[in-house]
N, C-alpha and C. Protein backbone atom coordinates (compact mmCIF):
# COMPACT_ATOMS: atom_id res chain seq x y z
N UNK A 1 -64.53 125.09 44.76
CA UNK A 1 -63.68 124.52 45.80
C UNK A 1 -63.78 125.38 47.05
N UNK A 2 -64.12 124.77 48.17
CA UNK A 2 -64.19 125.48 49.43
C UNK A 2 -62.79 125.79 49.94
N UNK A 3 -62.57 127.02 50.40
CA UNK A 3 -61.26 127.47 50.89
C UNK A 3 -61.47 128.18 52.21
N UNK A 4 -60.63 127.88 53.19
CA UNK A 4 -60.73 128.51 54.50
C UNK A 4 -59.34 128.79 55.06
N UNK A 5 -59.13 130.01 55.54
CA UNK A 5 -57.89 130.34 56.22
C UNK A 5 -57.84 129.57 57.54
N UNK A 6 -56.80 128.74 57.71
CA UNK A 6 -56.75 127.89 58.90
C UNK A 6 -55.56 128.23 59.82
N UNK A 7 -54.48 128.79 59.26
CA UNK A 7 -53.29 129.00 60.09
C UNK A 7 -52.44 130.13 59.54
N UNK A 8 -51.82 130.90 60.43
CA UNK A 8 -50.85 131.93 60.07
C UNK A 8 -49.56 131.65 60.83
N UNK A 9 -48.42 131.94 60.17
CA UNK A 9 -47.11 131.53 60.70
C UNK A 9 -46.18 132.73 60.78
N UNK A 10 -45.46 132.82 61.91
CA UNK A 10 -44.41 133.81 62.10
C UNK A 10 -43.06 133.12 62.10
N UNK A 11 -42.01 133.89 61.79
CA UNK A 11 -40.64 133.40 61.92
C UNK A 11 -39.93 134.34 62.89
N UNK A 12 -39.11 133.78 63.79
CA UNK A 12 -38.48 134.58 64.83
C UNK A 12 -37.10 134.04 65.17
N UNK A 13 -36.21 134.95 65.55
CA UNK A 13 -34.89 134.53 66.03
C UNK A 13 -35.00 133.80 67.36
N UNK A 14 -35.78 134.38 68.28
CA UNK A 14 -35.92 133.83 69.63
C UNK A 14 -37.32 133.24 69.75
N UNK A 15 -37.45 131.96 69.45
CA UNK A 15 -38.77 131.34 69.40
C UNK A 15 -39.41 131.30 70.78
N UNK A 16 -38.61 131.09 71.81
CA UNK A 16 -39.18 131.02 73.16
C UNK A 16 -39.78 132.36 73.56
N UNK A 17 -39.09 133.45 73.24
CA UNK A 17 -39.59 134.77 73.61
C UNK A 17 -40.88 135.10 72.88
N UNK A 18 -40.92 134.86 71.57
CA UNK A 18 -42.12 135.19 70.80
C UNK A 18 -43.27 134.26 71.17
N UNK A 19 -42.99 132.98 71.38
CA UNK A 19 -44.05 132.06 71.81
C UNK A 19 -44.63 132.52 73.15
N UNK A 20 -43.78 132.98 74.05
CA UNK A 20 -44.26 133.48 75.33
C UNK A 20 -45.12 134.72 75.17
N UNK A 21 -44.73 135.61 74.27
CA UNK A 21 -45.53 136.81 74.01
C UNK A 21 -46.90 136.44 73.45
N UNK A 22 -46.93 135.51 72.53
CA UNK A 22 -48.21 135.09 71.94
C UNK A 22 -49.14 134.54 73.02
N UNK A 23 -48.61 133.70 73.89
CA UNK A 23 -49.43 133.13 74.95
C UNK A 23 -49.96 134.21 75.88
N UNK A 24 -49.06 135.08 76.28
CA UNK A 24 -49.42 136.10 77.26
C UNK A 24 -50.41 137.12 76.70
N UNK A 25 -50.17 137.58 75.48
CA UNK A 25 -50.96 138.67 74.92
C UNK A 25 -52.27 138.21 74.29
N UNK A 26 -52.35 136.95 73.87
CA UNK A 26 -53.55 136.47 73.18
C UNK A 26 -54.30 135.40 73.97
N UNK A 27 -53.84 135.11 75.17
CA UNK A 27 -54.54 134.15 76.02
C UNK A 27 -54.50 132.73 75.49
N UNK A 28 -53.39 132.35 74.87
CA UNK A 28 -53.28 131.04 74.25
C UNK A 28 -52.88 129.96 75.26
N UNK A 29 -53.20 128.73 74.92
CA UNK A 29 -52.81 127.58 75.73
C UNK A 29 -51.42 127.12 75.32
N UNK A 30 -50.91 126.11 76.01
CA UNK A 30 -49.59 125.58 75.69
C UNK A 30 -49.56 125.08 74.25
N UNK A 31 -48.48 125.32 73.51
CA UNK A 31 -48.42 124.93 72.10
C UNK A 31 -47.99 123.48 71.91
N UNK A 32 -48.25 122.97 70.73
CA UNK A 32 -47.65 121.70 70.29
C UNK A 32 -46.25 122.02 69.78
N UNK A 33 -45.24 121.32 70.33
CA UNK A 33 -43.86 121.66 69.99
C UNK A 33 -43.02 120.44 69.63
N UNK A 34 -43.69 119.39 69.13
CA UNK A 34 -42.96 118.17 68.80
C UNK A 34 -43.28 117.72 67.38
N UNK A 35 -43.37 118.66 66.45
CA UNK A 35 -43.70 118.34 65.05
C UNK A 35 -42.58 117.51 64.43
N UNK A 36 -42.84 116.25 64.04
CA UNK A 36 -41.79 115.43 63.47
C UNK A 36 -41.37 115.85 62.07
N UNK A 37 -42.15 116.73 61.44
CA UNK A 37 -41.83 117.17 60.09
C UNK A 37 -41.09 118.50 60.05
N UNK A 38 -41.00 119.19 61.18
CA UNK A 38 -40.34 120.49 61.20
C UNK A 38 -38.89 120.39 60.75
N UNK A 39 -38.22 119.33 61.15
CA UNK A 39 -36.83 119.16 60.77
C UNK A 39 -36.61 119.05 59.28
N UNK A 40 -37.66 118.64 58.55
CA UNK A 40 -37.58 118.59 57.09
C UNK A 40 -37.21 119.96 56.51
N UNK A 41 -37.67 121.00 57.19
CA UNK A 41 -37.44 122.37 56.73
C UNK A 41 -36.30 123.04 57.50
N UNK A 42 -35.64 122.30 58.38
CA UNK A 42 -34.54 122.87 59.15
C UNK A 42 -35.00 123.87 60.19
N UNK A 43 -36.20 123.64 60.77
CA UNK A 43 -36.75 124.56 61.77
C UNK A 43 -37.26 123.78 62.97
N UNK A 44 -37.48 124.51 64.05
CA UNK A 44 -38.33 124.02 65.13
C UNK A 44 -39.50 124.98 65.25
N UNK A 45 -40.60 124.49 65.81
CA UNK A 45 -41.80 125.33 65.80
C UNK A 45 -42.66 125.13 67.03
N UNK A 46 -43.60 126.04 67.20
CA UNK A 46 -44.64 125.97 68.22
C UNK A 46 -45.96 126.29 67.53
N UNK A 47 -46.95 125.44 67.73
CA UNK A 47 -48.25 125.63 67.09
C UNK A 47 -49.31 125.81 68.18
N UNK A 48 -50.00 126.96 68.15
CA UNK A 48 -51.03 127.29 69.12
C UNK A 48 -52.40 127.18 68.47
N UNK A 49 -53.35 126.59 69.18
CA UNK A 49 -54.73 126.51 68.70
C UNK A 49 -55.52 127.69 69.23
N UNK A 50 -56.20 128.39 68.32
CA UNK A 50 -57.08 129.50 68.64
C UNK A 50 -58.44 129.15 68.07
N UNK A 51 -59.35 128.71 68.92
CA UNK A 51 -60.57 128.11 68.41
C UNK A 51 -60.20 126.84 67.66
N UNK A 52 -60.64 126.74 66.40
CA UNK A 52 -60.22 125.61 65.58
C UNK A 52 -59.27 126.06 64.47
N UNK A 53 -58.60 127.19 64.71
CA UNK A 53 -57.57 127.69 63.81
C UNK A 53 -56.26 127.81 64.58
N UNK A 54 -55.19 128.26 63.89
CA UNK A 54 -53.89 128.09 64.50
C UNK A 54 -52.94 129.25 64.19
N UNK A 55 -52.09 129.53 65.17
CA UNK A 55 -50.97 130.44 65.02
C UNK A 55 -49.70 129.65 65.31
N UNK A 56 -48.69 129.87 64.48
CA UNK A 56 -47.43 129.14 64.62
C UNK A 56 -46.27 130.12 64.60
N UNK A 57 -45.26 129.82 65.39
CA UNK A 57 -44.00 130.54 65.29
C UNK A 57 -42.90 129.50 65.10
N UNK A 58 -41.96 129.80 64.20
CA UNK A 58 -40.87 128.87 63.94
C UNK A 58 -39.55 129.62 63.88
N UNK A 59 -38.47 128.86 64.01
CA UNK A 59 -37.13 129.43 63.95
C UNK A 59 -36.20 128.43 63.28
N UNK A 60 -35.20 128.90 62.51
CA UNK A 60 -34.28 127.96 61.86
C UNK A 60 -33.33 127.31 62.87
N UNK A 61 -33.02 126.04 62.64
CA UNK A 61 -32.04 125.32 63.46
C UNK A 61 -30.95 124.71 62.58
N UNK A 62 -30.95 125.09 61.31
CA UNK A 62 -29.94 124.60 60.36
C UNK A 62 -29.56 125.75 59.43
N UNK A 63 -28.43 125.61 58.78
CA UNK A 63 -27.98 126.61 57.82
C UNK A 63 -28.73 126.44 56.50
N UNK A 64 -28.84 127.54 55.77
CA UNK A 64 -29.38 127.49 54.41
C UNK A 64 -30.87 127.25 54.31
N UNK A 65 -31.63 127.62 55.34
CA UNK A 65 -33.07 127.40 55.31
C UNK A 65 -33.81 128.61 54.75
N UNK A 66 -35.00 128.37 54.25
CA UNK A 66 -35.85 129.47 53.80
C UNK A 66 -36.18 130.40 54.97
N UNK A 67 -36.43 129.82 56.13
CA UNK A 67 -36.73 130.63 57.32
C UNK A 67 -35.54 131.51 57.68
N UNK A 68 -34.35 130.95 57.62
CA UNK A 68 -33.16 131.73 57.94
C UNK A 68 -32.95 132.88 56.96
N UNK A 69 -33.18 132.62 55.69
CA UNK A 69 -33.03 133.70 54.69
C UNK A 69 -34.07 134.79 54.92
N UNK A 70 -35.26 134.40 55.32
CA UNK A 70 -36.30 135.40 55.61
C UNK A 70 -35.88 136.27 56.80
N UNK A 71 -35.33 135.68 57.83
CA UNK A 71 -34.86 136.44 58.98
C UNK A 71 -33.72 137.38 58.60
N UNK A 72 -32.82 136.89 57.76
CA UNK A 72 -31.68 137.72 57.35
C UNK A 72 -32.13 138.93 56.54
N UNK A 73 -33.20 138.76 55.77
CA UNK A 73 -33.70 139.88 54.96
C UNK A 73 -34.44 140.91 55.79
N UNK A 74 -35.26 140.45 56.73
CA UNK A 74 -36.14 141.41 57.38
C UNK A 74 -36.37 141.23 58.86
N UNK A 75 -35.68 140.27 59.49
CA UNK A 75 -35.90 140.05 60.91
C UNK A 75 -37.21 139.32 61.17
N UNK A 76 -37.61 139.31 62.43
CA UNK A 76 -38.84 138.64 62.82
C UNK A 76 -40.02 139.19 62.02
N UNK A 77 -40.96 138.31 61.68
CA UNK A 77 -42.13 138.78 60.95
C UNK A 77 -42.99 137.64 60.45
N UNK A 78 -43.92 137.99 59.57
CA UNK A 78 -44.81 137.01 58.99
C UNK A 78 -44.08 136.11 58.01
N UNK A 79 -44.52 134.85 57.92
CA UNK A 79 -43.78 133.87 57.13
C UNK A 79 -44.64 133.07 56.16
N UNK A 80 -45.87 132.73 56.56
CA UNK A 80 -46.60 131.75 55.77
C UNK A 80 -48.07 131.76 56.18
N UNK A 81 -48.95 131.36 55.26
CA UNK A 81 -50.36 131.15 55.59
C UNK A 81 -50.79 129.79 55.05
N UNK A 82 -51.68 129.13 55.78
CA UNK A 82 -52.17 127.81 55.42
C UNK A 82 -53.68 127.87 55.23
N UNK A 83 -54.14 127.31 54.12
CA UNK A 83 -55.56 127.27 53.82
C UNK A 83 -56.05 125.83 53.78
N UNK A 84 -57.23 125.62 54.30
CA UNK A 84 -57.89 124.33 54.19
C UNK A 84 -58.71 124.29 52.91
N UNK A 85 -58.54 123.23 52.14
CA UNK A 85 -59.32 123.03 50.92
C UNK A 85 -60.02 121.68 50.99
N UNK A 86 -61.08 121.51 50.22
CA UNK A 86 -61.80 120.24 50.26
C UNK A 86 -61.51 119.35 49.06
N UNK A 87 -60.72 119.86 48.10
CA UNK A 87 -60.41 119.08 46.90
C UNK A 87 -58.95 119.31 46.54
N UNK A 88 -58.08 118.43 47.00
CA UNK A 88 -56.64 118.62 46.77
C UNK A 88 -56.27 118.41 45.30
N UNK A 89 -56.96 117.49 44.63
CA UNK A 89 -56.67 117.26 43.21
C UNK A 89 -56.93 118.52 42.41
N UNK A 90 -58.05 119.18 42.69
CA UNK A 90 -58.36 120.42 41.99
C UNK A 90 -57.35 121.51 42.33
N UNK A 91 -56.91 121.56 43.58
CA UNK A 91 -55.92 122.55 43.99
C UNK A 91 -54.61 122.34 43.24
N UNK A 92 -54.19 121.10 43.12
CA UNK A 92 -52.96 120.80 42.38
C UNK A 92 -53.09 121.21 40.91
N UNK A 93 -54.25 120.92 40.35
CA UNK A 93 -54.47 121.23 38.94
C UNK A 93 -54.46 122.74 38.71
N UNK A 94 -55.07 123.48 39.61
CA UNK A 94 -55.08 124.93 39.48
C UNK A 94 -53.65 125.49 39.55
N UNK A 95 -52.87 124.99 40.50
CA UNK A 95 -51.49 125.47 40.63
C UNK A 95 -50.69 125.15 39.38
N UNK A 96 -50.83 123.93 38.87
CA UNK A 96 -50.09 123.53 37.66
C UNK A 96 -50.51 124.36 36.46
N UNK A 97 -51.80 124.58 36.30
CA UNK A 97 -52.29 125.37 35.17
C UNK A 97 -51.78 126.81 35.22
N UNK A 98 -51.58 127.32 36.43
CA UNK A 98 -51.11 128.70 36.60
C UNK A 98 -49.59 128.81 36.58
N UNK A 99 -48.90 127.67 36.46
CA UNK A 99 -47.44 127.69 36.44
C UNK A 99 -46.82 127.94 37.80
N UNK A 100 -47.54 127.60 38.87
CA UNK A 100 -47.03 127.79 40.23
C UNK A 100 -46.36 126.49 40.69
N UNK A 101 -45.10 126.61 41.07
CA UNK A 101 -44.35 125.45 41.50
C UNK A 101 -44.76 124.97 42.89
N UNK A 102 -44.80 123.65 43.05
CA UNK A 102 -45.00 123.03 44.35
C UNK A 102 -43.62 122.75 44.94
N UNK A 103 -43.34 123.33 46.11
CA UNK A 103 -42.01 123.16 46.70
C UNK A 103 -41.96 122.04 47.73
N UNK A 104 -43.12 121.60 48.20
CA UNK A 104 -43.17 120.47 49.14
C UNK A 104 -44.55 119.89 49.11
N UNK A 105 -44.64 118.56 49.23
CA UNK A 105 -45.92 117.89 49.18
C UNK A 105 -45.88 116.65 50.05
N UNK A 106 -47.00 116.37 50.72
CA UNK A 106 -47.08 115.16 51.54
C UNK A 106 -48.50 114.65 51.55
N UNK A 107 -48.63 113.32 51.54
CA UNK A 107 -49.93 112.67 51.62
C UNK A 107 -49.91 111.73 52.82
N UNK A 108 -50.72 112.01 53.83
CA UNK A 108 -50.87 111.17 55.00
C UNK A 108 -52.34 110.80 55.14
N UNK A 109 -52.67 109.74 55.88
CA UNK A 109 -54.09 109.42 56.08
C UNK A 109 -54.87 110.57 56.70
N UNK A 110 -54.20 111.36 57.57
CA UNK A 110 -54.90 112.43 58.30
C UNK A 110 -54.88 113.77 57.58
N UNK A 111 -53.98 113.93 56.60
CA UNK A 111 -53.91 115.23 55.92
C UNK A 111 -53.10 115.11 54.64
N UNK A 112 -53.50 115.86 53.64
CA UNK A 112 -52.70 116.03 52.42
C UNK A 112 -52.30 117.49 52.35
N UNK A 113 -51.06 117.75 51.93
CA UNK A 113 -50.56 119.12 51.97
C UNK A 113 -49.65 119.39 50.80
N UNK A 114 -49.68 120.64 50.32
CA UNK A 114 -48.69 121.10 49.36
C UNK A 114 -48.35 122.55 49.65
N UNK A 115 -47.07 122.88 49.47
CA UNK A 115 -46.59 124.25 49.67
C UNK A 115 -46.26 124.85 48.31
N UNK A 116 -46.69 126.08 48.10
CA UNK A 116 -46.52 126.75 46.81
C UNK A 116 -45.40 127.77 46.87
N UNK A 117 -44.66 127.89 45.78
CA UNK A 117 -43.49 128.77 45.74
C UNK A 117 -43.94 130.24 45.80
N UNK A 118 -43.42 131.00 46.77
CA UNK A 118 -43.88 132.39 46.91
C UNK A 118 -43.51 133.27 45.72
N UNK A 119 -42.42 132.93 45.01
CA UNK A 119 -42.05 133.74 43.84
C UNK A 119 -43.06 133.59 42.71
N UNK A 120 -43.76 132.46 42.67
CA UNK A 120 -44.76 132.23 41.62
C UNK A 120 -46.13 132.77 41.99
N UNK A 121 -46.39 132.88 43.29
CA UNK A 121 -47.72 133.29 43.74
C UNK A 121 -47.73 134.75 44.20
N UNK A 122 -46.67 135.15 44.91
CA UNK A 122 -46.57 136.52 45.39
C UNK A 122 -47.03 136.65 46.83
N UNK A 123 -46.34 137.49 47.59
CA UNK A 123 -46.78 137.82 48.94
C UNK A 123 -46.12 137.04 50.04
N UNK A 124 -46.29 135.72 50.04
CA UNK A 124 -45.74 134.88 51.10
C UNK A 124 -45.85 133.42 50.67
N UNK A 125 -45.28 132.53 51.47
CA UNK A 125 -45.46 131.09 51.23
C UNK A 125 -46.91 130.72 51.54
N UNK A 126 -47.49 129.90 50.70
CA UNK A 126 -48.86 129.43 50.89
C UNK A 126 -48.87 127.91 50.92
N UNK A 127 -49.56 127.36 51.91
CA UNK A 127 -49.79 125.92 51.96
C UNK A 127 -51.28 125.66 51.77
N UNK A 128 -51.58 124.60 51.05
CA UNK A 128 -52.95 124.13 50.88
C UNK A 128 -53.05 122.76 51.52
N UNK A 129 -54.04 122.56 52.38
CA UNK A 129 -54.15 121.33 53.16
C UNK A 129 -55.57 120.80 53.12
N UNK A 130 -55.68 119.47 53.03
CA UNK A 130 -56.98 118.82 53.13
C UNK A 130 -56.93 117.84 54.30
N UNK A 131 -57.46 118.24 55.47
CA UNK A 131 -57.44 117.37 56.64
C UNK A 131 -58.58 116.35 56.60
N UNK A 132 -58.36 115.24 57.26
CA UNK A 132 -59.37 114.20 57.35
C UNK A 132 -59.45 113.69 58.79
N UNK A 133 -60.59 113.91 59.47
CA UNK A 133 -61.79 114.61 59.02
C UNK A 133 -61.56 116.12 58.93
N UNK A 134 -62.47 116.86 58.32
CA UNK A 134 -62.24 118.29 58.07
C UNK A 134 -61.98 119.12 59.33
N UNK A 135 -62.54 118.73 60.48
CA UNK A 135 -62.35 119.51 61.71
C UNK A 135 -61.00 119.27 62.35
N UNK A 136 -60.24 118.29 61.87
CA UNK A 136 -58.94 117.97 62.45
C UNK A 136 -57.85 118.85 61.84
N UNK A 137 -56.63 118.73 62.38
CA UNK A 137 -55.50 119.50 61.86
C UNK A 137 -54.22 118.83 62.34
N UNK A 138 -53.70 117.92 61.53
CA UNK A 138 -52.58 117.07 61.93
C UNK A 138 -51.37 117.87 62.41
N UNK A 139 -51.14 119.05 61.84
CA UNK A 139 -49.95 119.85 62.18
C UNK A 139 -49.99 120.38 63.61
N UNK A 140 -51.14 120.30 64.27
CA UNK A 140 -51.26 120.78 65.64
C UNK A 140 -51.04 119.67 66.67
N UNK A 141 -50.68 118.48 66.23
CA UNK A 141 -50.30 117.43 67.15
C UNK A 141 -51.39 116.42 67.45
N UNK A 142 -51.12 115.50 68.38
CA UNK A 142 -52.04 114.38 68.65
C UNK A 142 -53.45 114.80 69.03
N UNK A 143 -53.60 115.92 69.71
CA UNK A 143 -54.94 116.35 70.11
C UNK A 143 -55.81 116.72 68.92
N UNK A 144 -55.17 116.98 67.76
CA UNK A 144 -55.90 117.39 66.56
C UNK A 144 -55.75 116.40 65.41
N UNK A 145 -55.07 115.30 65.62
CA UNK A 145 -54.85 114.33 64.54
C UNK A 145 -56.02 113.36 64.46
N UNK A 146 -56.73 113.41 63.34
CA UNK A 146 -57.87 112.54 63.15
C UNK A 146 -59.10 112.93 63.94
N UNK A 147 -59.05 114.11 64.57
CA UNK A 147 -60.17 114.54 65.40
C UNK A 147 -60.07 116.04 65.63
N UNK A 148 -61.14 116.63 66.12
CA UNK A 148 -61.12 118.04 66.49
C UNK A 148 -60.65 118.18 67.93
N UNK A 149 -59.72 119.08 68.14
CA UNK A 149 -59.23 119.35 69.48
C UNK A 149 -59.93 120.54 70.08
N UNK A 150 -59.31 121.10 71.13
CA UNK A 150 -59.87 122.26 71.81
C UNK A 150 -58.82 123.36 71.88
N UNK A 151 -59.12 124.50 71.31
CA UNK A 151 -58.19 125.62 71.34
C UNK A 151 -58.59 126.67 72.34
N UNK A 152 -57.75 127.67 72.51
CA UNK A 152 -58.09 128.82 73.35
C UNK A 152 -59.29 129.55 72.74
N UNK A 153 -60.07 130.25 73.54
CA UNK A 153 -61.21 130.99 72.99
C UNK A 153 -60.75 132.04 71.98
N UNK A 154 -61.43 132.07 70.84
CA UNK A 154 -61.10 133.05 69.82
C UNK A 154 -61.06 132.45 68.43
N UNK A 155 -60.65 133.26 67.47
CA UNK A 155 -60.50 132.76 66.11
C UNK A 155 -59.60 133.68 65.31
N UNK A 156 -59.04 133.13 64.26
CA UNK A 156 -58.22 133.86 63.30
C UNK A 156 -59.15 134.38 62.22
N UNK A 157 -59.23 135.71 62.08
CA UNK A 157 -60.21 136.26 61.14
C UNK A 157 -59.61 136.73 59.83
N UNK A 158 -58.31 137.00 59.78
CA UNK A 158 -57.75 137.45 58.52
C UNK A 158 -56.28 137.77 58.60
N UNK A 159 -55.69 138.00 57.43
CA UNK A 159 -54.30 138.42 57.32
C UNK A 159 -54.21 139.52 56.27
N UNK A 160 -53.21 140.38 56.42
CA UNK A 160 -52.94 141.41 55.43
C UNK A 160 -51.56 141.21 54.87
N UNK A 161 -51.47 141.24 53.53
CA UNK A 161 -50.21 141.06 52.83
C UNK A 161 -49.86 142.32 52.06
N UNK A 162 -48.66 142.83 52.26
CA UNK A 162 -48.16 143.94 51.46
C UNK A 162 -47.43 143.39 50.25
N UNK A 163 -47.87 143.82 49.06
CA UNK A 163 -47.29 143.36 47.80
C UNK A 163 -47.16 144.53 46.84
N UNK A 164 -46.32 144.38 45.81
CA UNK A 164 -46.08 145.47 44.89
C UNK A 164 -47.27 145.86 44.05
N UNK A 165 -48.07 144.87 43.65
CA UNK A 165 -49.25 145.11 42.81
C UNK A 165 -50.42 144.36 43.41
N UNK A 166 -51.12 144.97 44.38
CA UNK A 166 -52.17 144.25 45.10
C UNK A 166 -53.24 143.64 44.21
N UNK A 167 -53.67 144.36 43.18
CA UNK A 167 -54.73 143.85 42.32
C UNK A 167 -54.29 142.61 41.57
N UNK A 168 -53.08 142.66 41.00
CA UNK A 168 -52.59 141.52 40.23
C UNK A 168 -52.35 140.30 41.12
N UNK A 169 -51.78 140.53 42.31
CA UNK A 169 -51.52 139.41 43.21
C UNK A 169 -52.83 138.82 43.72
N UNK A 170 -53.81 139.66 44.01
CA UNK A 170 -55.11 139.16 44.44
C UNK A 170 -55.74 138.28 43.37
N UNK A 171 -55.63 138.69 42.11
CA UNK A 171 -56.17 137.89 41.02
C UNK A 171 -55.43 136.56 40.87
N UNK A 172 -54.12 136.61 41.09
CA UNK A 172 -53.30 135.41 41.01
C UNK A 172 -53.70 134.41 42.09
N UNK A 173 -53.84 134.89 43.31
CA UNK A 173 -54.26 134.02 44.41
C UNK A 173 -55.65 133.45 44.14
N UNK A 174 -56.56 134.27 43.68
CA UNK A 174 -57.92 133.80 43.41
C UNK A 174 -57.92 132.69 42.36
N UNK A 175 -57.09 132.86 41.35
CA UNK A 175 -56.99 131.84 40.30
C UNK A 175 -56.49 130.52 40.85
N UNK A 176 -55.46 130.58 41.68
CA UNK A 176 -54.82 129.35 42.16
C UNK A 176 -55.64 128.70 43.27
N UNK A 177 -56.23 129.51 44.16
CA UNK A 177 -56.99 128.94 45.27
C UNK A 177 -58.43 128.64 44.91
N UNK A 178 -58.88 129.14 43.77
CA UNK A 178 -60.24 128.85 43.34
C UNK A 178 -61.29 129.59 44.14
N UNK A 179 -60.95 130.77 44.64
CA UNK A 179 -61.91 131.57 45.40
C UNK A 179 -61.62 133.04 45.15
N UNK A 180 -62.64 133.80 44.81
CA UNK A 180 -62.46 135.22 44.50
C UNK A 180 -63.58 136.02 45.18
N UNK A 181 -63.21 136.79 46.24
CA UNK A 181 -61.86 136.96 46.78
C UNK A 181 -61.44 135.77 47.64
N UNK A 182 -60.15 135.68 47.90
CA UNK A 182 -59.64 134.64 48.78
C UNK A 182 -60.08 134.99 50.21
N UNK A 183 -60.78 134.09 50.88
CA UNK A 183 -61.34 134.42 52.19
C UNK A 183 -60.26 134.72 53.23
N UNK A 184 -60.47 135.84 53.93
CA UNK A 184 -59.58 136.18 55.03
C UNK A 184 -58.32 136.90 54.64
N UNK A 185 -58.14 137.23 53.35
CA UNK A 185 -56.89 137.84 52.91
C UNK A 185 -57.14 139.22 52.33
N UNK A 186 -56.38 140.20 52.83
CA UNK A 186 -56.40 141.56 52.30
C UNK A 186 -55.03 141.86 51.71
N UNK A 187 -55.02 142.42 50.51
CA UNK A 187 -53.77 142.79 49.84
C UNK A 187 -53.63 144.31 49.87
N UNK A 188 -52.47 144.77 50.32
CA UNK A 188 -52.17 146.20 50.41
C UNK A 188 -50.86 146.48 49.69
N UNK A 189 -50.68 147.73 49.28
CA UNK A 189 -49.46 148.08 48.56
C UNK A 189 -48.29 148.22 49.52
N UNK A 190 -47.15 147.64 49.13
CA UNK A 190 -45.95 147.68 49.94
C UNK A 190 -45.06 146.51 49.59
N UNK A 191 -44.09 146.24 50.42
CA UNK A 191 -43.19 145.11 50.15
C UNK A 191 -42.93 144.28 51.38
N UNK A 192 -43.82 144.36 52.38
CA UNK A 192 -43.58 143.69 53.65
C UNK A 192 -44.05 142.26 53.74
N UNK A 193 -44.80 141.77 52.73
CA UNK A 193 -45.34 140.42 52.84
C UNK A 193 -46.44 140.35 53.89
N UNK A 194 -46.39 139.31 54.72
CA UNK A 194 -47.40 139.12 55.76
C UNK A 194 -47.11 140.07 56.92
N UNK A 195 -47.87 141.15 57.01
CA UNK A 195 -47.57 142.21 57.98
C UNK A 195 -48.62 142.31 59.09
N UNK A 196 -49.78 141.72 58.90
CA UNK A 196 -50.85 141.89 59.89
C UNK A 196 -51.68 140.62 59.99
N UNK A 197 -52.05 140.28 61.21
CA UNK A 197 -52.92 139.14 61.49
C UNK A 197 -54.06 139.64 62.36
N UNK A 198 -55.29 139.36 61.94
CA UNK A 198 -56.47 139.78 62.69
C UNK A 198 -57.04 138.60 63.46
N UNK A 199 -57.31 138.80 64.74
CA UNK A 199 -57.87 137.75 65.58
C UNK A 199 -59.01 138.30 66.41
N UNK A 200 -59.90 137.40 66.80
CA UNK A 200 -60.89 137.69 67.81
C UNK A 200 -60.52 136.93 69.08
N UNK A 201 -60.55 137.61 70.20
CA UNK A 201 -60.23 137.01 71.50
C UNK A 201 -61.25 137.52 72.51
N UNK A 202 -61.39 136.87 73.65
CA UNK A 202 -62.33 137.37 74.66
C UNK A 202 -61.96 138.79 75.10
N UNK A 203 -62.95 139.54 75.52
CA UNK A 203 -62.69 140.91 75.93
C UNK A 203 -61.70 140.98 77.08
N UNK A 204 -61.72 139.99 77.95
CA UNK A 204 -60.76 139.98 79.06
C UNK A 204 -59.33 139.88 78.56
N UNK A 205 -59.14 139.22 77.44
CA UNK A 205 -57.81 139.10 76.83
C UNK A 205 -57.49 140.37 76.03
N UNK A 206 -58.47 140.84 75.30
CA UNK A 206 -58.26 142.06 74.50
C UNK A 206 -57.93 143.26 75.38
N UNK A 207 -58.60 143.34 76.51
CA UNK A 207 -58.33 144.39 77.50
C UNK A 207 -58.39 145.79 76.89
N UNK A 208 -59.35 146.00 75.99
CA UNK A 208 -59.54 147.31 75.41
C UNK A 208 -58.56 147.68 74.32
N UNK A 209 -57.65 146.80 73.97
CA UNK A 209 -56.64 147.11 72.95
C UNK A 209 -57.20 146.86 71.56
N UNK A 210 -56.78 147.70 70.61
CA UNK A 210 -57.13 147.48 69.21
C UNK A 210 -56.07 146.68 68.47
N UNK A 211 -54.83 146.72 68.94
CA UNK A 211 -53.76 146.00 68.27
C UNK A 211 -52.59 145.83 69.22
N UNK A 212 -51.70 144.91 68.85
CA UNK A 212 -50.47 144.67 69.59
C UNK A 212 -49.42 144.14 68.61
N UNK A 213 -48.18 144.51 68.81
CA UNK A 213 -47.08 144.04 67.95
C UNK A 213 -46.45 142.82 68.58
N UNK A 214 -46.44 141.71 67.84
CA UNK A 214 -45.89 140.46 68.33
C UNK A 214 -45.07 139.80 67.24
N UNK A 215 -43.81 139.52 67.53
CA UNK A 215 -42.98 138.82 66.56
C UNK A 215 -42.83 139.54 65.24
N UNK A 216 -42.83 140.87 65.26
CA UNK A 216 -42.67 141.63 64.03
C UNK A 216 -43.92 141.74 63.20
N UNK A 217 -45.07 141.35 63.74
CA UNK A 217 -46.35 141.41 63.03
C UNK A 217 -47.35 142.18 63.88
N UNK A 218 -48.14 142.99 63.23
CA UNK A 218 -49.21 143.71 63.93
C UNK A 218 -50.42 142.78 64.04
N UNK A 219 -50.85 142.52 65.27
CA UNK A 219 -52.07 141.75 65.51
C UNK A 219 -53.19 142.74 65.81
N UNK A 220 -54.24 142.74 65.01
CA UNK A 220 -55.42 143.53 65.34
C UNK A 220 -56.36 142.66 66.15
N UNK A 221 -56.94 143.27 67.20
CA UNK A 221 -57.71 142.53 68.17
C UNK A 221 -59.16 142.97 68.17
N UNK A 222 -60.06 142.00 68.15
CA UNK A 222 -61.49 142.27 68.29
C UNK A 222 -62.04 141.26 69.27
N UNK A 223 -63.14 141.60 69.90
CA UNK A 223 -63.75 140.69 70.88
C UNK A 223 -65.04 140.10 70.29
């Protein structure tokens, strides 16, 4: 099963401030901010296209949300990663065989998606998505629904997750995602979850920097 890291997500108290920082520091274009499904999770969000991959920041707008509990535990920070897969049936079967609960699922003509319980997988919330056509990404709005859109120059190259037992969690993810190692993911010892996002941006945007802190996450920068 082909697996590709397609999106990384932050959670923030002040979504406008963090969205502004992301645009300014990473040279991003205006985000998609009218996701009709965000309310399902009690959040509002902004989705930025970086090449044909995506960075998202969200904030809770209702009580009792997963996003709100994450903020209460640790403040602004990493929240979720989304992977593109080419066989959703196989992905579901792998999750079921591993005893990983599906906490949300949707089937649309443009995309099929399932979210996996972080307590069963470890590290952070994981979504598996099969877009149609493969270059599209329905969650990024009309410009990406059923077609490939145009993002800011750059790409998302990886994420780092702090977990209690990196080797065991890496094996768990490989089993469920059907890829060993899971592309774009580094596991480190700790308890911070999604702590680092690696991106490539134009040198004019990087401006000689190796990293920048945005929304409680360390972004490593390469040109």
